[in-house]
Structure formats: structure tokens, C-alpha cells
Amino acid sequence: EFDYVQNALQSFADPIPLRSVIAKILLDSKFVQIPAKPTQEAIPDWVRAQYLRFLSREPNETEMSATVAALQTEGVTCKTVWQGILSSQEYQFY
């Protein structure tokens, strides 16, 4: 079985899809508790806290405005933001 998995993983020329799949599997597991969406007023502080938590840095202006705007959109959840951060190339090297 190990050989099959190893061969399958080696067939990925681009690791981005694999990172996204792994992040989704982790976030869909019963062991991860996704927080409730913060209130409109609390969204910027929540976004800042997530960047500090997962990337150990403050979001830049572009990241902050895009993430805040996304969270203010109906249907976008905290899970969506987490998946975006965890799927990023920067998180891979954290």
C-alpha cells in the first residue's frame, strides 16, 4: 500500500492541489472545532488573530481587506478562511 501512495503522491507535479485536499480533510474531521462566524464588528480582529495563529504574522493590507470582505459575504465561513490559510504556500513552510 505504501508504494501505491508514494507513487500517487509523486505523480503530483504541483503540490498546491494536494495541500488543499489535506487541509480540507483535516477541517472536515470531527476533531476540528470550527468557530462560529464573528460579528461584523469583530471580523477584523478575528482575521488578525487567525493570521497570527497560523502564520505567526499580521495580515498585510491586501490580505486583511480581502479576508474581511470575504467573511462579510453570505456563505463564507470561518472554515473557508482557515482552508485558504492552510492551503497557502506560506503555511507549507511554517
Protein backbone atom coordinates (compact mmCIF):
# COMPACT_ATOMS: atom_id res chain seq x y z
CA GLU A 1 0.00 0.00 0.00
CA PHE A 2 2.84 2.36 0.81
CA ASP A 3 4.19 2.03 -2.73
CA TYR A 4 0.79 2.94 -4.19
CA VAL A 5 0.52 6.03 -2.02
CA GLN A 6 4.11 7.04 -2.73
CA ASN A 7 3.60 6.66 -6.48
CA ALA A 8 0.35 8.61 -6.34
CA LEU A 9 1.99 11.46 -4.42
CA GLN A 10 4.96 11.56 -6.78
CA SER A 11 2.59 11.97 -9.70
CA PHE A 12 1.59 15.42 -8.44
CA ALA A 13 3.72 17.91 -10.31
CA ASP A 14 2.12 20.78 -8.42
CA PRO A 15 1.74 20.44 -4.63
CA ILE A 16 -1.00 23.09 -4.36
CA PRO A 17 -3.91 20.72 -5.07
CA LEU A 18 -2.53 18.22 -2.56
CA ARG A 19 -2.22 20.90 0.14
CA SER A 20 -5.83 21.88 -0.47
CA VAL A 21 -7.03 18.29 -0.21
CA ILE A 22 -5.13 17.69 3.03
CA ALA A 23 -6.42 20.95 4.54
CA LYS A 24 -9.99 20.04 3.58
CA ILE A 25 -9.68 16.54 5.05
CA LEU A 26 -8.35 17.97 8.31
CA LEU A 27 -11.02 20.66 8.53
CA ASP A 28 -13.78 18.15 7.75
CA SER A 29 -12.64 15.82 10.52
CA LYS A 30 -14.65 15.54 13.71
CA PHE A 31 -11.61 16.59 15.72
CA VAL A 32 -11.56 20.19 14.48
CA GLN A 33 -13.97 22.65 16.03
CA ILE A 34 -14.74 25.42 13.57
CA PRO A 35 -15.67 28.63 15.38
CA ALA A 36 -18.88 30.49 14.73
CA LYS A 37 -18.67 33.39 12.32
CA PRO A 38 -17.73 36.54 14.23
CA THR A 39 -19.98 39.59 14.32
CA GLN A 40 -19.38 42.25 11.68
CA GLU A 41 -17.54 44.42 14.22
CA ALA A 42 -15.31 41.55 15.38
CA ILE A 43 -14.31 40.28 11.92
CA PRO A 44 -11.08 42.35 11.58
CA ASP A 45 -9.83 41.24 15.00
CA TRP A 46 -10.73 37.63 14.24
CA VAL A 47 -8.91 37.74 10.88
CA ARG A 48 -5.82 39.24 12.52
CA ALA A 49 -5.89 36.50 15.18
CA GLN A 50 -6.05 33.76 12.54
CA TYR A 51 -3.02 35.08 10.66
CA LEU A 52 -1.13 35.27 13.93
CA ARG A 53 -2.26 31.78 14.89
CA PHE A 54 -1.47 30.01 11.64
CA LEU A 55 1.30 32.13 10.07
CA SER A 56 2.72 33.92 13.12
CA ARG A 57 2.37 37.29 11.46
CA GLU A 58 -0.11 40.10 10.91
CA PRO A 59 -2.01 40.07 7.62
CA ASN A 60 -0.91 42.70 5.15
CA GLU A 61 -3.40 45.32 3.99
CA THR A 62 -4.46 43.34 0.91
CA GLU A 63 -4.94 40.11 2.86
CA MET A 64 -6.86 41.87 5.59
CA SER A 65 -9.25 43.68 3.27
CA ALA A 66 -9.85 40.60 1.09
CA THR A 67 -10.44 38.29 4.05
CA VAL A 68 -12.70 40.75 5.86
CA ALA A 69 -14.69 41.32 2.64
CA ALA A 70 -15.00 37.57 2.11
CA LEU A 71 -16.25 36.96 5.65
CA GLN A 72 -18.85 39.68 5.21
CA THR A 73 -20.22 37.72 2.25
CA GLU A 74 -23.06 35.33 2.90
CA GLY A 75 -21.97 31.70 2.65
CA VAL A 76 -18.33 32.34 3.56
CA THR A 77 -17.48 30.79 6.91
CA CYS A 78 -14.55 30.61 9.28
CA LYS A 79 -13.82 27.22 7.77
CA THR A 80 -13.39 28.88 4.37
CA VAL A 81 -10.83 31.29 5.78
CA TRP A 82 -8.98 28.53 7.59
CA GLN A 83 -8.88 26.43 4.43
CA GLY A 84 -7.47 29.37 2.49
CA ILE A 85 -4.71 29.97 5.01
CA LEU A 86 -3.89 26.28 5.49
CA SER A 87 -3.78 25.70 1.73
CA SER A 88 -1.38 28.57 1.15
CA GLN A 89 2.19 28.00 0.09
CA GLU A 90 3.34 30.12 3.03
CA TYR A 91 1.72 27.76 5.54
CA GLN A 92 3.51 24.81 3.95
CA PHE A 93 6.83 26.21 5.15
CA TYR A 94 5.65 27.38 8.55
